[in-house]
């Protein structure tokens, strides 16, 4: 057995013991800065997030896994590299044997997610968006490492250059905070971009939508034409939104909203338009 207490493992030593170098082409950038790793769990605990069962996506060589085991009752790690999944089970064999750690070898986009209470992860950047679109609807707290640009888009306000579909979608499920920027030097190998830690606290939005799936598809549709007015964006993207009658939506919607571009509408205004579209636009979900 590995004779190391939880929370004490050196991330560089973990990489040496794993014998696996990170591969940027495979989206592998191992977090090696002890100070950053030590702070990550605190962004969950200081807000009182439930750490009974923590989900980690992309365990790598286990630097963050080691720290999570000091604050969580149980941890589940999803790791798509089978070599690293095997290493995690060996390195943390004591936690595995006692049932405090489970390692799932597979793709986080396709495996069944456990019933976790909080997700804390250094996400593989190439699939950050897809992973978050799986995690956010679970209405569980998140602390995730992503590219800085991506984090800024998640937390962006209407009318800013960064504001887009990601901003509205993330804000639909949670309050989003950019809590720390992280330099490339914190990783091995170093990425070409800065990174950031984002905290997502689940909440119920101040508006309602008739159907979550339709609302998100409606957002995806109109943001493909963000330089067009909403009038034209709704008409031009029925093949994406699944609306049967875009003209009926335009005829029924508030003119003050139709004359604006997607980047200037608030989430509540998108909800208003989506509700109108649901009622009169013949969405595919309502067809026999």
Protein backbone atom coordinates (compact mmCIF):
# COMPACT_ATOMS: atom_id res chain seq x y z
CA UNK A 1 0.00 0.00 0.00
CA UNK A 2 0.99 3.59 -0.55
CA UNK A 3 2.03 4.94 2.84
CA UNK A 4 0.82 8.50 2.47
CA UNK A 5 -1.80 10.37 4.46
CA UNK A 6 -4.56 12.14 2.59
CA UNK A 7 -3.83 15.74 1.72
CA UNK A 8 -0.05 15.32 1.82
CA UNK A 9 0.79 13.99 -1.63
CA UNK A 10 3.13 16.08 -3.73
CA UNK A 11 1.65 16.56 -7.24
CA UNK A 12 5.03 16.34 -8.96
CA UNK A 13 5.76 13.08 -7.14
CA UNK A 14 2.37 11.75 -8.24
CA UNK A 15 3.31 12.37 -11.86
CA UNK A 16 6.62 10.56 -11.36
CA UNK A 17 4.92 7.59 -9.71
CA UNK A 18 2.32 7.42 -12.47
CA UNK A 19 5.07 7.45 -15.10
CA UNK A 20 2.74 9.26 -17.49
CA UNK A 21 3.53 12.65 -18.97
CA UNK A 22 0.62 14.94 -19.72
CA UNK A 23 -0.31 15.13 -23.39
CA UNK A 24 -1.70 18.49 -24.52
CA UNK A 25 -3.09 16.81 -27.64
CA UNK A 26 -5.15 14.59 -25.32
CA UNK A 27 -6.19 17.59 -23.18
CA UNK A 28 -3.98 16.49 -20.29
CA UNK A 29 -2.63 19.37 -18.23
CA UNK A 30 -1.93 18.15 -14.70
CA UNK A 31 -2.39 20.71 -11.94
CA UNK A 32 0.89 20.83 -9.95
CA UNK A 33 0.78 24.06 -7.94
CA UNK A 34 0.22 22.98 -4.32
CA UNK A 35 -1.13 26.37 -3.32
CA UNK A 36 -3.84 26.30 -5.98
CA UNK A 37 -4.71 22.66 -5.26
CA UNK A 38 -5.00 23.39 -1.54
CA UNK A 39 -7.39 26.30 -2.16
CA UNK A 40 -9.78 24.53 -4.50
CA UNK A 41 -11.77 22.54 -1.90
CA UNK A 42 -12.10 25.67 0.26
CA UNK A 43 -14.18 27.36 -2.45
CA UNK A 44 -16.79 24.68 -1.77
CA UNK A 45 -16.51 24.40 2.01
CA UNK A 46 -16.57 28.16 2.67
CA UNK A 47 -19.99 28.30 1.02
CA UNK A 48 -21.25 25.31 2.95
CA UNK A 49 -21.57 23.08 -0.10
CA UNK A 50 -22.48 19.50 0.77
CA UNK A 51 -19.30 17.44 0.36
CA UNK A 52 -20.77 14.10 1.39
CA UNK A 53 -20.16 12.77 -2.13
CA UNK A 54 -17.83 14.79 -4.36
CA UNK A 55 -17.59 14.12 -8.09
CA UNK A 56 -14.29 14.83 -9.84
CA UNK A 57 -14.17 14.81 -13.64
CA UNK A 58 -10.67 14.25 -15.01
CA UNK A 59 -8.70 12.97 -12.03
CA UNK A 60 -5.36 12.87 -13.85
CA UNK A 61 -2.61 11.75 -11.48
CA UNK A 62 -4.63 12.56 -8.36
CA UNK A 63 -3.28 15.85 -7.04
CA UNK A 64 -6.76 17.26 -6.51
CA UNK A 65 -8.21 13.85 -5.62
CA UNK A 66 -5.82 13.75 -2.66
CA UNK A 67 -7.15 17.06 -1.32
CA UNK A 68 -10.78 16.18 -1.95
CA UNK A 69 -10.45 13.12 0.25
CA UNK A 70 -9.69 15.43 3.19
CA UNK A 71 -13.05 17.26 2.90
CA UNK A 72 -15.39 14.65 1.40
CA UNK A 73 -16.95 11.56 2.91
CA UNK A 74 -16.72 9.84 -0.47
CA UNK A 75 -15.23 10.82 -3.84
CA UNK A 76 -16.00 9.49 -7.29
CA UNK A 77 -13.44 10.20 -10.02
CA UNK A 78 -14.19 9.86 -13.72
CA UNK A 79 -11.00 9.41 -15.77
CA UNK A 80 -11.05 8.61 -19.47
CA UNK A 81 -7.38 7.55 -19.73
CA UNK A 82 -7.40 3.89 -18.58
CA UNK A 83 -3.75 4.11 -17.52
CA UNK A 84 -4.52 6.98 -15.16
CA UNK A 85 -7.68 5.31 -13.89
CA UNK A 86 -5.61 2.26 -12.98
CA UNK A 87 -2.95 4.44 -11.34
CA UNK A 88 -5.55 6.24 -9.21
CA UNK A 89 -6.90 2.94 -7.92
CA UNK A 90 -3.36 1.85 -7.00
CA UNK A 91 -2.21 5.17 -5.55
CA UNK A 92 -5.33 5.58 -3.42
CA UNK A 93 -5.80 1.86 -2.69
CA UNK A 94 -6.59 2.45 0.99
CA UNK A 95 -9.45 4.85 0.14
CA UNK A 96 -10.71 2.47 -2.54
CA UNK A 97 -10.70 -0.47 -0.11
CA UNK A 98 -12.71 1.44 2.48
CA UNK A 99 -15.22 2.65 -0.10
CA UNK A 100 -14.27 6.30 0.23
CA UNK A 101 -13.01 6.50 -3.36
CA UNK A 102 -14.50 5.09 -6.55
CA UNK A 103 -12.79 5.41 -9.92
CA UNK A 104 -14.84 5.24 -13.11
CA UNK A 105 -12.75 4.55 -16.19
CA UNK A 106 -14.60 6.17 -19.06
CA UNK A 107 -15.74 9.32 -20.83
CA UNK A 108 -17.54 11.85 -18.62
CA UNK A 109 -19.83 12.67 -21.53
CA UNK A 110 -21.23 9.17 -21.77
CA UNK A 111 -20.86 7.32 -18.44
CA UNK A 112 -23.70 7.30 -15.92
CA UNK A 113 -23.13 10.02 -13.35
CA UNK A 114 -23.37 9.06 -9.68
CA UNK A 115 -25.75 10.85 -7.33
CA UNK A 116 -23.11 13.35 -6.20
CA UNK A 117 -23.65 16.29 -3.85
CA UNK A 118 -20.95 18.64 -5.23
CA UNK A 119 -18.65 18.49 -8.26
CA UNK A 120 -15.08 19.78 -7.91
CA UNK A 121 -12.87 19.32 -10.96
CA UNK A 122 -9.98 20.46 -13.09
CA UNK A 123 -11.98 19.92 -16.29
CA UNK A 124 -10.40 18.80 -19.56
CA UNK A 125 -10.69 22.05 -21.48
CA UNK A 126 -11.79 20.53 -24.77
CA UNK A 127 -14.98 19.17 -23.25
CA UNK A 128 -15.65 21.83 -20.59
CA UNK A 129 -18.82 23.05 -22.25
CA UNK A 130 -20.30 19.58 -22.79
CA UNK A 131 -19.45 18.46 -19.26
CA UNK A 132 -20.97 21.57 -17.70
CA UNK A 133 -24.14 21.15 -19.74
CA UNK A 134 -24.40 17.70 -18.10
CA UNK A 135 -23.60 18.91 -14.59
CA UNK A 136 -25.51 22.19 -14.32
CA UNK A 137 -29.00 20.68 -14.81
CA UNK A 138 -28.37 18.36 -11.83
CA UNK A 139 -28.77 21.44 -9.60
CA UNK A 140 -25.68 20.53 -7.59
CA UNK A 141 -22.93 22.99 -6.59
CA UNK A 142 -19.82 23.10 -8.77
CA UNK A 143 -16.25 24.31 -8.42
CA UNK A 144 -14.47 23.83 -11.74
CA UNK A 145 -11.24 24.83 -13.43
CA UNK A 146 -11.76 26.03 -17.01
CA UNK A 147 -10.05 28.31 -19.50
CA UNK A 148 -10.18 31.95 -18.37
CA UNK A 149 -11.99 33.04 -21.52
CA UNK A 150 -14.59 30.33 -20.95
CA UNK A 151 -15.02 31.40 -17.31
CA UNK A 152 -15.51 35.02 -18.35
CA UNK A 153 -18.20 33.95 -20.79
CA UNK A 154 -19.96 31.92 -18.10
CA UNK A 155 -20.10 34.93 -15.77
CA UNK A 156 -20.72 37.62 -18.40
CA UNK A 157 -23.50 40.21 -18.19
CA UNK A 158 -25.83 41.25 -21.05
CA UNK A 159 -24.39 43.82 -23.43
CA UNK A 160 -20.77 42.74 -22.98
CA UNK A 161 -18.62 41.12 -25.66
CA UNK A 162 -18.33 37.92 -23.60
CA UNK A 163 -22.07 37.50 -23.10
CA UNK A 164 -23.61 34.64 -25.05
CA UNK A 165 -25.47 31.36 -24.94
CA UNK A 166 -23.10 29.98 -22.31
CA UNK A 167 -23.78 32.97 -20.02
CA UNK A 168 -27.55 32.59 -20.24
CA UNK A 169 -27.47 28.80 -19.94
CA UNK A 170 -25.15 28.77 -16.93
CA UNK A 171 -27.10 31.56 -15.25
CA UNK A 172 -30.34 29.68 -15.81
CA UNK A 173 -29.17 27.04 -13.34
CA UNK A 174 -26.81 28.80 -10.96
CA UNK A 175 -25.17 31.96 -9.70
CA UNK A 176 -21.78 32.00 -11.40
CA UNK A 177 -18.64 33.46 -9.81
CA UNK A 178 -15.11 33.63 -11.17
CA UNK A 179 -13.23 33.09 -7.91
CA UNK A 180 -9.58 32.81 -8.99
CA UNK A 181 -7.43 33.14 -12.09
CA UNK A 182 -4.70 30.53 -12.50
CA UNK A 183 -1.53 31.01 -14.59
CA UNK A 184 -0.17 28.43 -17.05
CA UNK A 185 2.76 27.77 -14.69
CA UNK A 186 0.38 25.97 -12.31
CA UNK A 187 0.15 23.07 -14.78
CA UNK A 188 2.39 20.43 -16.29
CA UNK A 189 2.55 20.63 -19.25
CA UNK A 190 1.68 24.31 -19.33
CA UNK A 191 -1.37 25.24 -21.43
CA UNK A 192 -1.17 28.11 -23.89
CA UNK A 193 -3.89 30.04 -22.05
CA UNK A 194 -4.72 31.30 -18.58
CA UNK A 195 -7.22 29.35 -16.53
CA UNK A 196 -9.78 30.21 -13.89
CA UNK A 197 -11.78 28.61 -11.11
CA UNK A 198 -15.51 29.07 -11.32
CA UNK A 199 -18.02 28.47 -8.54
CA UNK A 200 -21.62 27.70 -9.46
CA UNK A 201 -24.22 27.91 -6.71
CA UNK A 202 -27.55 26.38 -7.77
CA UNK A 203 -30.60 28.60 -7.68
CA UNK A 204 -34.09 28.88 -9.11
CA UNK A 205 -34.21 31.67 -11.71
CA UNK A 206 -36.47 34.67 -11.19
CA UNK A 207 -38.36 33.78 -14.37
CA UNK A 208 -40.04 30.63 -15.62
CA UNK A 209 -39.85 28.76 -18.91
CA UNK A 210 -42.37 26.25 -20.24
CA UNK A 211 -39.80 23.57 -21.03
CA UNK A 212 -36.08 23.56 -20.16
CA UNK A 213 -34.99 21.53 -23.18
CA UNK A 214 -36.85 23.81 -25.57
CA UNK A 215 -35.52 26.94 -23.84
CA UNK A 216 -31.92 25.79 -24.21
CA UNK A 217 -32.44 24.83 -27.85
CA UNK A 218 -34.09 28.19 -28.51
CA UNK A 219 -31.03 29.92 -27.03
CA UNK A 220 -28.69 27.83 -29.14
CA UNK A 221 -30.67 28.74 -32.24
CA UNK A 222 -30.85 32.52 -31.84
CA UNK A 223 -27.24 32.87 -30.70
CA UNK A 224 -26.07 31.36 -33.99
CA UNK A 225 -27.21 34.69 -35.47
CA UNK A 226 -26.29 37.04 -32.68
CA UNK A 227 -25.59 39.90 -35.12
CA UNK A 228 -29.15 39.73 -36.46
CA UNK A 229 -32.18 41.20 -34.75
CA UNK A 230 -34.23 38.70 -32.81
CA UNK A 231 -36.93 39.02 -35.45
CA UNK A 232 -34.62 37.64 -38.12
CA UNK A 233 -32.82 35.23 -35.79
CA UNK A 234 -36.09 33.52 -34.83
CA UNK A 235 -37.21 33.24 -38.45
CA UNK A 236 -33.86 32.03 -39.76
CA UNK A 237 -33.18 29.30 -37.18
CA UNK A 238 -36.37 27.21 -37.01
CA UNK A 239 -34.29 24.25 -38.22
CA UNK A 240 -32.32 24.52 -34.97
CA UNK A 241 -35.03 25.60 -32.53
CA UNK A 242 -37.51 23.05 -33.81
CA UNK A 243 -40.23 25.65 -34.30
CA UNK A 244 -42.82 24.88 -36.93
CA UNK A 245 -43.88 28.50 -37.41
CA UNK A 246 -41.29 31.18 -36.77
CA UNK A 247 -43.48 33.85 -38.37
CA UNK A 248 -46.22 33.25 -35.81
CA UNK A 249 -43.70 33.87 -33.02
CA UNK A 250 -42.58 37.12 -34.62
CA UNK A 251 -46.17 38.24 -35.05
CA UNK A 252 -46.99 37.57 -31.39
CA UNK A 253 -43.80 38.68 -29.64
CA UNK A 254 -43.06 42.03 -28.04
CA UNK A 255 -41.64 44.42 -30.65
CA UNK A 256 -39.17 45.89 -28.15
CA UNK A 257 -37.57 42.46 -27.84
CA UNK A 258 -37.68 41.57 -31.54
CA UNK A 259 -35.74 44.71 -32.49
CA UNK A 260 -32.80 43.81 -30.23
CA UNK A 261 -29.88 41.46 -30.80
CA UNK A 262 -29.31 38.36 -28.73
CA UNK A 263 -26.27 39.81 -26.98
CA UNK A 264 -28.36 42.57 -25.39
CA UNK A 265 -31.28 40.55 -24.02
CA UNK A 266 -31.46 39.53 -20.37
CA UNK A 267 -32.19 35.91 -19.42
CA UNK A 268 -35.68 36.95 -18.34
CA UNK A 269 -36.31 38.50 -21.76
CA UNK A 270 -35.13 35.31 -23.47
CA UNK A 271 -37.56 33.43 -21.25
CA UNK A 272 -40.36 35.76 -22.34
CA UNK A 273 -39.60 35.14 -26.01
CA UNK A 274 -39.24 31.40 -25.51
CA UNK A 275 -42.60 31.28 -23.74
CA UNK A 276 -44.24 33.04 -26.68
CA UNK A 277 -42.50 30.66 -29.07
CA UNK A 278 -43.73 27.69 -27.07
CA UNK A 279 -47.31 28.93 -27.15
CA UNK A 280 -47.67 29.94 -30.80
CA UNK A 281 -44.62 28.62 -32.69
CA UNK A 282 -45.59 24.95 -32.90
CA UNK A 283 -42.43 23.54 -31.26
CA UNK A 284 -41.62 19.93 -32.09
CA UNK A 285 -42.16 18.79 -28.47
CA UNK A 286 -45.87 19.66 -28.75
CA UNK A 287 -46.56 17.92 -32.04
CA UNK A 288 -48.37 14.61 -32.14
